[in-house]
Amino acid sequence: MTFELYIPENLEFRDYIAIVQTARTFADGYDQKDAERLHAVVAPTIEVDYRLVSETIPYKSYNPDDFIAEILSPKLLANEKLLTQHLLGQCYFRSISAGEIVVQWQQIAGHGRWIQGSHPLKKQVDKTSDGKSYMEQRYIKIDGRWKIAGLKPSLLYEVGEFGDVVAEREEKS
């Protein structure tokens, strides 16, 4: 079998820019715990499939309010001690139609537990977990705007334990 490079013939530059801007807005909304940004880029239905990252996270379909409420819950991103940064690398367009685009990004997801009391401009962390993955995002066009309608990461490897970063523990005085 020979690898065949997919070169989309029907991708317009404005759509490419819109996809990149949408992906970055999503990552920033995620990292800055900003529901408004997330609402701006999420489709009316978003399918989340993290089974290739964790066997304990089921495939699930959400409406925007439920999706954002869950990811911004205190058990996940709204845990005020949790800092994240999701860096998107080069993208690979997997398929394109007039109303749907599937993109695979190289991704580094950095997670850190902030030590409360450290300088607010130079937050120190005591636990870290960094995941290297490919993130497949499915976009659909709604009223002329691209929205994220699917997330499917596949983990390459992880350094540190994410569970240790988000785990609740008593703060030392």
N, C-alpha and C. Protein backbone atom coordinates (compact mmCIF):
# COMPACT_ATOMS: atom_id res chain seq x y z
N MET A 1 0.85 -1.18 0.00
CA MET A 1 0.00 0.00 0.00
C MET A 1 0.89 1.25 0.00
N THR A 2 0.55 2.21 -0.79
CA THR A 2 1.32 3.44 -0.91
C THR A 2 0.53 4.59 -0.30
N PHE A 3 1.23 5.40 0.46
CA PHE A 3 0.58 6.58 1.05
C PHE A 3 0.29 7.58 -0.05
N GLU A 4 -0.93 8.07 -0.07
CA GLU A 4 -1.30 9.09 -1.04
C GLU A 4 -1.64 10.37 -0.30
N LEU A 5 -0.93 11.41 -0.60
CA LEU A 5 -1.13 12.70 0.04
C LEU A 5 -2.43 13.33 -0.44
N TYR A 6 -3.27 13.70 0.50
CA TYR A 6 -4.55 14.34 0.16
C TYR A 6 -4.33 15.84 0.02
N ILE A 7 -4.58 16.35 -1.14
CA ILE A 7 -4.49 17.79 -1.40
C ILE A 7 -5.89 18.25 -1.79
N PRO A 8 -6.56 19.01 -0.91
CA PRO A 8 -7.91 19.45 -1.25
C PRO A 8 -7.90 20.40 -2.44
N GLU A 9 -8.77 20.15 -3.37
CA GLU A 9 -8.86 21.00 -4.55
C GLU A 9 -9.92 22.08 -4.40
N ASN A 10 -10.82 21.91 -3.44
CA ASN A 10 -11.93 22.84 -3.31
C ASN A 10 -11.90 23.64 -2.00
N LEU A 11 -10.73 23.82 -1.42
CA LEU A 11 -10.61 24.60 -0.19
C LEU A 11 -10.24 26.04 -0.55
N GLU A 12 -11.14 26.94 -0.22
CA GLU A 12 -10.87 28.36 -0.47
C GLU A 12 -10.06 28.94 0.68
N PHE A 13 -9.24 29.93 0.38
CA PHE A 13 -8.36 30.51 1.38
C PHE A 13 -9.17 31.08 2.56
N ARG A 14 -10.31 31.72 2.30
CA ARG A 14 -11.09 32.29 3.40
C ARG A 14 -11.62 31.19 4.31
N ASP A 15 -11.93 30.00 3.78
CA ASP A 15 -12.35 28.89 4.62
C ASP A 15 -11.18 28.37 5.46
N TYR A 16 -10.01 28.29 4.84
CA TYR A 16 -8.81 27.87 5.58
C TYR A 16 -8.58 28.81 6.77
N ILE A 17 -8.61 30.11 6.53
CA ILE A 17 -8.41 31.09 7.61
C ILE A 17 -9.51 30.96 8.66
N ALA A 18 -10.74 30.77 8.24
CA ALA A 18 -11.85 30.63 9.18
C ALA A 18 -11.67 29.40 10.07
N ILE A 19 -11.21 28.30 9.50
CA ILE A 19 -10.97 27.08 10.29
C ILE A 19 -9.86 27.32 11.30
N VAL A 20 -8.77 27.93 10.87
CA VAL A 20 -7.65 28.20 11.77
C VAL A 20 -8.08 29.13 12.91
N GLN A 21 -8.83 30.17 12.59
CA GLN A 21 -9.31 31.11 13.62
C GLN A 21 -10.28 30.41 14.57
N THR A 22 -11.14 29.57 14.06
CA THR A 22 -12.10 28.85 14.89
C THR A 22 -11.37 27.90 15.85
N ALA A 23 -10.39 27.18 15.32
CA ALA A 23 -9.61 26.25 16.16
C ALA A 23 -8.88 26.99 17.26
N ARG A 24 -8.26 28.11 16.92
CA ARG A 24 -7.52 28.88 17.92
C ARG A 24 -8.47 29.46 18.97
N THR A 25 -9.63 29.94 18.55
CA THR A 25 -10.61 30.48 19.49
C THR A 25 -11.08 29.39 20.44
N PHE A 26 -11.29 28.18 19.91
CA PHE A 26 -11.69 27.06 20.76
C PHE A 26 -10.60 26.75 21.79
N ALA A 27 -9.35 26.64 21.35
CA ALA A 27 -8.25 26.35 22.26
C ALA A 27 -8.11 27.44 23.32
N ASP A 28 -8.20 28.69 22.90
CA ASP A 28 -8.10 29.80 23.87
C ASP A 28 -9.27 29.79 24.86
N GLY A 29 -10.47 29.52 24.37
CA GLY A 29 -11.63 29.44 25.26
C GLY A 29 -11.47 28.33 26.27
N TYR A 30 -10.93 27.21 25.82
CA TYR A 30 -10.67 26.07 26.69
C TYR A 30 -9.67 26.44 27.77
N ASP A 31 -8.54 27.01 27.36
CA ASP A 31 -7.46 27.33 28.30
C ASP A 31 -7.78 28.49 29.22
N GLN A 32 -8.53 29.47 28.72
CA GLN A 32 -8.87 30.64 29.54
C GLN A 32 -10.20 30.47 30.27
N LYS A 33 -10.78 29.27 30.14
CA LYS A 33 -12.03 28.94 30.83
C LYS A 33 -13.12 29.95 30.50
N ASP A 34 -13.23 30.25 29.20
CA ASP A 34 -14.09 31.32 28.70
C ASP A 34 -15.27 30.73 27.92
N ALA A 35 -16.41 30.64 28.59
CA ALA A 35 -17.61 30.05 27.98
C ALA A 35 -18.07 30.83 26.77
N GLU A 36 -17.90 32.15 26.78
CA GLU A 36 -18.35 32.97 25.64
C GLU A 36 -17.60 32.61 24.36
N ARG A 37 -16.29 32.44 24.47
CA ARG A 37 -15.51 32.04 23.29
C ARG A 37 -15.92 30.66 22.80
N LEU A 38 -16.12 29.75 23.74
CA LEU A 38 -16.51 28.39 23.36
C LEU A 38 -17.87 28.39 22.67
N HIS A 39 -18.83 29.14 23.21
CA HIS A 39 -20.15 29.23 22.57
C HIS A 39 -20.04 29.79 21.15
N ALA A 40 -19.10 30.68 20.91
CA ALA A 40 -18.96 31.30 19.59
C ALA A 40 -18.53 30.32 18.51
N VAL A 41 -17.91 29.20 18.89
CA VAL A 41 -17.34 28.31 17.88
C VAL A 41 -17.89 26.89 17.90
N VAL A 42 -18.79 26.58 18.82
CA VAL A 42 -19.32 25.22 18.93
C VAL A 42 -20.64 25.13 18.16
N ALA A 43 -20.79 24.04 17.43
CA ALA A 43 -22.01 23.78 16.65
C ALA A 43 -23.18 23.43 17.57
N PRO A 44 -24.40 23.43 17.04
CA PRO A 44 -25.56 23.06 17.86
C PRO A 44 -25.49 21.65 18.44
N THR A 45 -24.73 20.78 17.80
CA THR A 45 -24.45 19.45 18.35
C THR A 45 -22.95 19.22 18.19
N ILE A 46 -22.29 18.80 19.28
CA ILE A 46 -20.87 18.48 19.21
C ILE A 46 -20.66 17.06 19.72
N GLU A 47 -20.00 16.26 18.90
CA GLU A 47 -19.71 14.87 19.23
C GLU A 47 -18.29 14.79 19.76
N VAL A 48 -18.14 14.20 20.94
CA VAL A 48 -16.84 14.12 21.60
C VAL A 48 -16.48 12.65 21.78
N ASP A 49 -15.33 12.26 21.21
CA ASP A 49 -14.89 10.87 21.25
C ASP A 49 -13.46 10.82 21.76
N TYR A 50 -13.30 10.64 23.07
CA TYR A 50 -11.98 10.57 23.70
C TYR A 50 -11.57 9.13 24.00
N ARG A 51 -12.23 8.16 23.36
CA ARG A 51 -11.93 6.75 23.66
C ARG A 51 -10.50 6.36 23.31
N LEU A 52 -9.87 7.07 22.38
CA LEU A 52 -8.47 6.76 22.04
C LEU A 52 -7.49 7.40 23.03
N VAL A 53 -8.01 8.22 23.94
CA VAL A 53 -7.19 8.85 24.98
C VAL A 53 -7.40 8.14 26.31
N SER A 54 -8.65 7.79 26.61
CA SER A 54 -8.97 7.15 27.88
C SER A 54 -10.17 6.23 27.71
N GLU A 55 -10.04 5.03 28.20
CA GLU A 55 -11.14 4.07 28.12
C GLU A 55 -12.30 4.47 29.03
N THR A 56 -12.06 5.37 29.98
CA THR A 56 -13.09 5.76 30.94
C THR A 56 -13.94 6.92 30.45
N ILE A 57 -13.57 7.54 29.34
CA ILE A 57 -14.34 8.67 28.81
C ILE A 57 -15.16 8.17 27.62
N PRO A 58 -16.48 8.09 27.77
CA PRO A 58 -17.30 7.55 26.68
C PRO A 58 -17.50 8.55 25.55
N TYR A 59 -17.82 8.00 24.38
CA TYR A 59 -18.27 8.84 23.27
C TYR A 59 -19.57 9.49 23.71
N LYS A 60 -19.72 10.78 23.41
CA LYS A 60 -20.92 11.48 23.85
C LYS A 60 -21.25 12.59 22.86
N SER A 61 -22.53 12.82 22.67
CA SER A 61 -23.02 13.91 21.84
C SER A 61 -23.66 14.94 22.77
N TYR A 62 -23.33 16.22 22.56
CA TYR A 62 -23.76 17.28 23.46
C TYR A 62 -24.45 18.40 22.68
N ASN A 63 -25.26 19.16 23.39
CA ASN A 63 -25.63 20.48 22.90
C ASN A 63 -24.58 21.43 23.49
N PRO A 64 -24.43 22.64 22.96
CA PRO A 64 -23.36 23.53 23.43
C PRO A 64 -23.39 23.82 24.93
N ASP A 65 -24.57 24.06 25.49
CA ASP A 65 -24.65 24.40 26.91
C ASP A 65 -24.15 23.25 27.78
N ASP A 66 -24.56 22.03 27.48
CA ASP A 66 -24.14 20.88 28.28
C ASP A 66 -22.64 20.61 28.11
N PHE A 67 -22.14 20.72 26.87
CA PHE A 67 -20.72 20.50 26.62
C PHE A 67 -19.88 21.50 27.41
N ILE A 68 -20.22 22.77 27.30
CA ILE A 68 -19.43 23.81 27.96
C ILE A 68 -19.57 23.70 29.48
N ALA A 69 -20.76 23.40 29.98
CA ALA A 69 -20.94 23.22 31.43
C ALA A 69 -20.07 22.08 31.94
N GLU A 70 -19.98 21.00 31.17
CA GLU A 70 -19.18 19.86 31.62
C GLU A 70 -17.69 20.17 31.60
N ILE A 71 -17.19 20.73 30.50
CA ILE A 71 -15.74 20.96 30.45
C ILE A 71 -15.31 22.11 31.36
N LEU A 72 -16.23 23.02 31.66
CA LEU A 72 -15.89 24.11 32.57
C LEU A 72 -16.35 23.82 34.01
N SER A 73 -16.66 22.56 34.31
CA SER A 73 -17.07 22.20 35.66
C SER A 73 -15.85 22.23 36.58
N PRO A 74 -16.08 22.36 37.89
CA PRO A 74 -14.96 22.36 38.85
C PRO A 74 -14.12 21.08 38.81
N LYS A 75 -14.69 19.98 38.32
CA LYS A 75 -13.92 18.73 38.22
C LYS A 75 -12.94 18.76 37.05
N LEU A 76 -13.16 19.68 36.10
CA LEU A 76 -12.27 19.76 34.94
C LEU A 76 -11.65 21.16 34.88
N LEU A 77 -11.94 21.92 33.85
CA LEU A 77 -11.24 23.18 33.63
C LEU A 77 -11.53 24.27 34.65
N ALA A 78 -12.71 24.26 35.27
CA ALA A 78 -13.02 25.32 36.24
C ALA A 78 -12.36 25.07 37.59
N ASN A 79 -11.62 23.99 37.71
CA ASN A 79 -10.80 23.81 38.89
C ASN A 79 -9.78 24.94 38.88
N GLU A 80 -9.91 25.88 39.81
CA GLU A 80 -9.10 27.10 39.75
C GLU A 80 -7.61 26.85 39.91
N LYS A 81 -7.22 25.66 40.35
CA LYS A 81 -5.80 25.34 40.47
C LYS A 81 -5.22 24.77 39.17
N LEU A 82 -6.10 24.48 38.20
CA LEU A 82 -5.66 23.85 36.96
C LEU A 82 -5.37 24.90 35.88
N LEU A 83 -4.17 24.85 35.38
CA LEU A 83 -3.77 25.69 34.25
C LEU A 83 -3.59 24.77 33.04
N THR A 84 -4.03 25.22 31.86
CA THR A 84 -3.84 24.41 30.66
C THR A 84 -3.36 25.30 29.51
N GLN A 85 -2.69 24.67 28.59
CA GLN A 85 -2.36 25.33 27.33
C GLN A 85 -2.39 24.26 26.25
N HIS A 86 -3.26 24.47 25.27
CA HIS A 86 -3.39 23.56 24.15
C HIS A 86 -2.77 24.22 22.91
N LEU A 87 -1.67 23.67 22.47
CA LEU A 87 -0.95 24.22 21.32
C LEU A 87 -1.26 23.38 20.10
N LEU A 88 -1.73 24.03 19.06
CA LEU A 88 -2.03 23.35 17.81
C LEU A 88 -0.88 23.54 16.84
N GLY A 89 -0.39 22.45 16.30
CA GLY A 89 0.68 22.51 15.32
C GLY A 89 0.12 22.51 13.91
N GLN A 90 0.85 21.93 13.02
CA GLN A 90 0.42 21.88 11.63
C GLN A 90 -0.88 21.10 11.49
N CYS A 91 -1.68 21.54 10.55
CA CYS A 91 -2.95 20.86 10.32
C CYS A 91 -2.87 20.05 9.03
N TYR A 92 -3.69 18.99 9.00
CA TYR A 92 -3.82 18.15 7.82
C TYR A 92 -5.30 18.04 7.51
N PHE A 93 -5.71 18.56 6.38
CA PHE A 93 -7.11 18.51 5.98
C PHE A 93 -7.39 17.11 5.46
N ARG A 94 -8.31 16.41 6.14
CA ARG A 94 -8.60 15.02 5.80
C ARG A 94 -9.73 14.89 4.79
N SER A 95 -10.71 15.77 4.87
CA SER A 95 -11.78 15.75 3.86
C SER A 95 -12.48 17.09 3.86
N ILE A 96 -13.02 17.41 2.70
CA ILE A 96 -13.64 18.72 2.54
C ILE A 96 -14.85 18.57 1.62
N SER A 97 -15.95 19.16 2.07
CA SER A 97 -17.11 19.35 1.21
C SER A 97 -17.58 20.78 1.43
N ALA A 98 -18.61 21.19 0.74
CA ALA A 98 -19.08 22.57 0.88
C ALA A 98 -19.54 22.88 2.30
N GLY A 99 -20.03 21.88 3.03
CA GLY A 99 -20.58 22.15 4.36
C GLY A 99 -19.87 21.46 5.51
N GLU A 100 -18.78 20.70 5.21
CA GLU A 100 -18.08 19.98 6.28
C GLU A 100 -16.60 19.85 5.95
N ILE A 101 -15.78 20.08 6.96
CA ILE A 101 -14.33 19.93 6.82
C ILE A 101 -13.83 19.15 8.03
N VAL A 102 -12.99 18.16 7.80
CA VAL A 102 -12.36 17.40 8.87
C VAL A 102 -10.87 17.70 8.83
N VAL A 103 -10.35 18.14 9.98
CA VAL A 103 -8.95 18.55 10.09
C VAL A 103 -8.30 17.77 11.23
N GLN A 104 -7.07 17.31 11.01
CA GLN A 104 -6.30 16.69 12.07
C GLN A 104 -5.14 17.63 12.40
N TRP A 105 -5.05 18.00 13.66
CA TRP A 105 -3.99 18.90 14.15
C TRP A 105 -2.98 18.10 14.94
N GLN A 106 -1.72 18.51 14.89
CA GLN A 106 -0.76 18.06 15.88
C GLN A 106 -1.07 18.88 17.13
N GLN A 107 -1.06 18.25 18.30
CA GLN A 107 -1.44 18.97 19.51
C GLN A 107 -0.55 18.61 20.68
N ILE A 108 -0.20 19.63 21.45
CA ILE A 108 0.42 19.45 22.76
C ILE A 108 -0.54 20.06 23.76
N ALA A 109 -0.97 19.26 24.71
CA ALA A 109 -1.87 19.74 25.75
C ALA A 109 -1.09 19.75 27.07
N GLY A 110 -0.77 20.94 27.53
CA GLY A 110 -0.03 21.10 28.78
C GLY A 110 -0.99 21.37 29.93
N HIS A 111 -0.79 20.65 31.03
CA HIS A 111 -1.63 20.81 32.20
C HIS A 111 -0.73 21.00 33.42
N GLY A 112 -1.09 21.94 34.27
CA GLY A 112 -0.31 22.17 35.49
C GLY A 112 -1.20 22.53 36.66
N ARG A 113 -0.80 22.11 37.84
CA ARG A 113 -1.50 22.47 39.07
C ARG A 113 -0.78 23.68 39.66
N TRP A 114 -1.48 24.79 39.69
CA TRP A 114 -0.95 26.04 40.18
C TRP A 114 -0.82 25.99 41.70
N ILE A 115 0.31 26.46 42.20
CA ILE A 115 0.53 26.56 43.64
C ILE A 115 -0.07 27.89 44.08
N GLN A 116 -1.18 27.81 44.80
CA GLN A 116 -1.81 29.05 45.27
C GLN A 116 -0.85 29.77 46.21
N GLY A 117 -0.83 31.07 46.05
CA GLY A 117 0.08 31.89 46.85
C GLY A 117 1.34 32.27 46.08
N SER A 118 1.62 31.58 44.96
CA SER A 118 2.76 31.99 44.15
C SER A 118 2.36 33.27 43.41
N HIS A 119 3.32 33.96 42.85
CA HIS A 119 3.08 35.25 42.21
C HIS A 119 2.07 35.09 41.08
N PRO A 120 0.99 35.92 41.06
CA PRO A 120 -0.06 35.73 40.04
C PRO A 120 0.41 35.90 38.60
N LEU A 121 1.47 36.66 38.38
CA LEU A 121 1.96 36.84 37.02
C LEU A 121 2.97 35.76 36.62
N LYS A 122 3.45 35.03 37.60
CA LYS A 122 4.42 33.97 37.33
C LYS A 122 4.01 32.75 38.15
N LYS A 123 2.88 32.18 37.76
CA LYS A 123 2.31 31.07 38.51
C LYS A 123 3.27 29.88 38.49
N GLN A 124 3.48 29.33 39.67
CA GLN A 124 4.32 28.15 39.79
C GLN A 124 3.42 26.93 39.90
N VAL A 125 3.89 25.82 39.36
CA VAL A 125 3.12 24.59 39.43
C VAL A 125 3.92 23.53 40.16
N ASP A 126 3.18 22.63 40.84
CA ASP A 126 3.86 21.54 41.54
C ASP A 126 3.62 20.19 40.88
N LYS A 127 2.62 20.08 40.02
CA LYS A 127 2.34 18.85 39.28
C LYS A 127 2.09 19.24 37.83
N THR A 128 2.61 18.44 36.91
CA THR A 128 2.36 18.69 35.49
C THR A 128 2.02 17.40 34.77
N SER A 129 1.34 17.56 33.67
CA SER A 129 1.02 16.45 32.78
C SER A 129 0.89 17.04 31.38
N ASP A 130 1.70 16.57 30.48
CA ASP A 130 1.66 17.04 29.10
C ASP A 130 1.32 15.87 28.18
N GLY A 131 0.31 16.07 27.36
CA GLY A 131 -0.08 15.05 26.41
C GLY A 131 0.25 15.47 25.00
N LYS A 132 0.82 14.56 24.25
CA LYS A 132 1.09 14.78 22.83
C LYS A 132 0.09 13.94 22.06
N SER A 133 -0.62 14.57 21.14
CA SER A 133 -1.68 13.85 20.45
C SER A 133 -1.93 14.42 19.06
N TYR A 134 -2.77 13.73 18.35
CA TYR A 134 -3.39 14.28 17.15
C TYR A 134 -4.82 14.59 17.56
N MET A 135 -5.31 15.75 17.18
CA MET A 135 -6.69 16.15 17.49
C MET A 135 -7.43 16.29 16.18
N GLU A 136 -8.40 15.41 15.98
CA GLU A 136 -9.25 15.52 14.81
C GLU A 136 -10.46 16.37 15.18
N GLN A 137 -10.70 17.40 14.40
CA GLN A 137 -11.86 18.27 14.62
C GLN A 137 -12.70 18.26 13.35
N ARG A 138 -14.00 18.10 13.55
CA ARG A 138 -14.94 18.15 12.43
C ARG A 138 -15.68 19.48 12.51
N TYR A 139 -15.69 20.19 11.39
CA TYR A 139 -16.32 21.50 11.30
C TYR A 139 -17.50 21.42 10.34
N ILE A 140 -18.57 22.12 10.70
CA ILE A 140 -19.70 22.25 9.78
C ILE A 140 -19.99 23.73 9.59
N LYS A 141 -20.51 24.04 8.42
CA LYS A 141 -20.82 25.44 8.11
C LYS A 141 -22.28 25.71 8.44
N ILE A 142 -22.49 26.72 9.29
CA ILE A 142 -23.83 27.11 9.72
C ILE A 142 -23.96 28.61 9.48
N ASP A 143 -24.92 28.99 8.67
CA ASP A 143 -25.15 30.41 8.35
C ASP A 143 -23.85 31.11 7.93
N GLY A 144 -23.06 30.43 7.11
CA GLY A 144 -21.84 31.03 6.58
C GLY A 144 -20.64 31.00 7.52
N ARG A 145 -20.79 30.42 8.70
CA ARG A 145 -19.68 30.35 9.67
C ARG A 145 -19.34 28.90 9.99
N TRP A 146 -18.04 28.63 10.14
CA TRP A 146 -17.59 27.30 10.50
C TRP A 146 -17.68 27.13 12.01
N LYS A 147 -18.24 25.99 12.43
CA LYS A 147 -18.40 25.65 13.84
C LYS A 147 -17.82 24.27 14.08
N ILE A 148 -17.30 24.05 15.27
CA ILE A 148 -16.76 22.74 15.64
C ILE A 148 -17.91 21.82 16.01
N ALA A 149 -17.99 20.69 15.31
CA ALA A 149 -19.07 19.73 15.53
C ALA A 149 -18.55 18.39 16.02
N GLY A 150 -17.22 18.23 16.11
CA GLY A 150 -16.68 16.96 16.58
C GLY A 150 -15.25 17.09 17.04
N LEU A 151 -14.92 16.36 18.10
CA LEU A 151 -13.57 16.30 18.64
C LEU A 151 -13.19 14.84 18.82
N LYS A 152 -12.02 14.46 18.31
CA LYS A 152 -11.57 13.08 18.46
C LYS A 152 -10.04 13.05 18.55
N PRO A 153 -9.52 13.13 19.77
CA PRO A 153 -8.06 13.06 19.91
C PRO A 153 -7.57 11.62 19.90
N SER A 154 -6.33 11.45 19.49
CA SER A 154 -5.66 10.15 19.63
C SER A 154 -4.30 10.43 20.27
N LEU A 155 -4.14 9.92 21.46
CA LEU A 155 -2.95 10.18 22.28
C LEU A 155 -1.75 9.45 21.72
N LEU A 156 -0.64 10.18 21.59
CA LEU A 156 0.62 9.55 21.22
C LEU A 156 1.34 9.11 22.49
N TYR A 157 1.52 10.06 23.44
CA TYR A 157 2.08 9.73 24.75
C TYR A 157 1.81 10.88 25.71
N GLU A 158 1.97 10.56 26.99
CA GLU A 158 1.73 11.53 28.04
C GLU A 158 2.89 11.49 29.02
N VAL A 159 3.31 12.67 29.47
CA VAL A 159 4.33 12.78 30.48
C VAL A 159 3.65 13.30 31.74
N GLY A 160 3.81 12.60 32.85
CA GLY A 160 3.11 12.96 34.08
C GLY A 160 1.74 12.30 34.11
N GLU A 161 1.05 12.49 35.20
CA GLU A 161 -0.27 11.90 35.39
C GLU A 161 -1.32 12.99 35.47
N PHE A 162 -2.23 13.05 34.50
CA PHE A 162 -3.27 14.06 34.49
C PHE A 162 -4.12 13.97 35.76
N GLY A 163 -4.39 12.77 36.23
CA GLY A 163 -5.17 12.58 37.46
C GLY A 163 -4.53 13.26 38.66
N ASP A 164 -3.20 13.26 38.72
CA ASP A 164 -2.51 13.94 39.82
C ASP A 164 -2.66 15.46 39.73
N VAL A 165 -2.74 15.97 38.52
CA VAL A 165 -2.84 17.42 38.32
C VAL A 165 -4.22 17.93 38.75
N VAL A 166 -5.27 17.19 38.44
CA VAL A 166 -6.62 17.65 38.76
C VAL A 166 -7.13 17.16 40.11
N ALA A 167 -6.41 16.22 40.74
CA ALA A 167 -6.86 15.67 42.01
C ALA A 167 -6.90 16.74 43.10
N GLU A 168 -7.95 16.69 43.88
CA GLU A 168 -8.08 17.61 45.01
C GLU A 168 -7.18 17.13 46.14
N ARG A 169 -6.55 18.07 46.81
CA ARG A 169 -5.74 17.75 47.98
C ARG A 169 -5.73 18.96 48.88
N GLU A 170 -5.37 18.76 50.10
CA GLU A 170 -5.30 19.85 51.06
C GLU A 170 -4.10 20.74 50.75
N GLU A 171 -4.30 22.04 50.79
CA GLU A 171 -3.20 22.99 50.61
C GLU A 171 -2.38 23.05 51.88
N LYS A 172 -1.07 23.08 51.74
CA LYS A 172 -0.19 23.23 52.89
C LYS A 172 -0.14 24.69 53.29
N SER A 173 -0.18 24.94 54.57
CA SER A 173 -0.15 26.33 55.06
C SER A 173 1.26 26.83 55.16
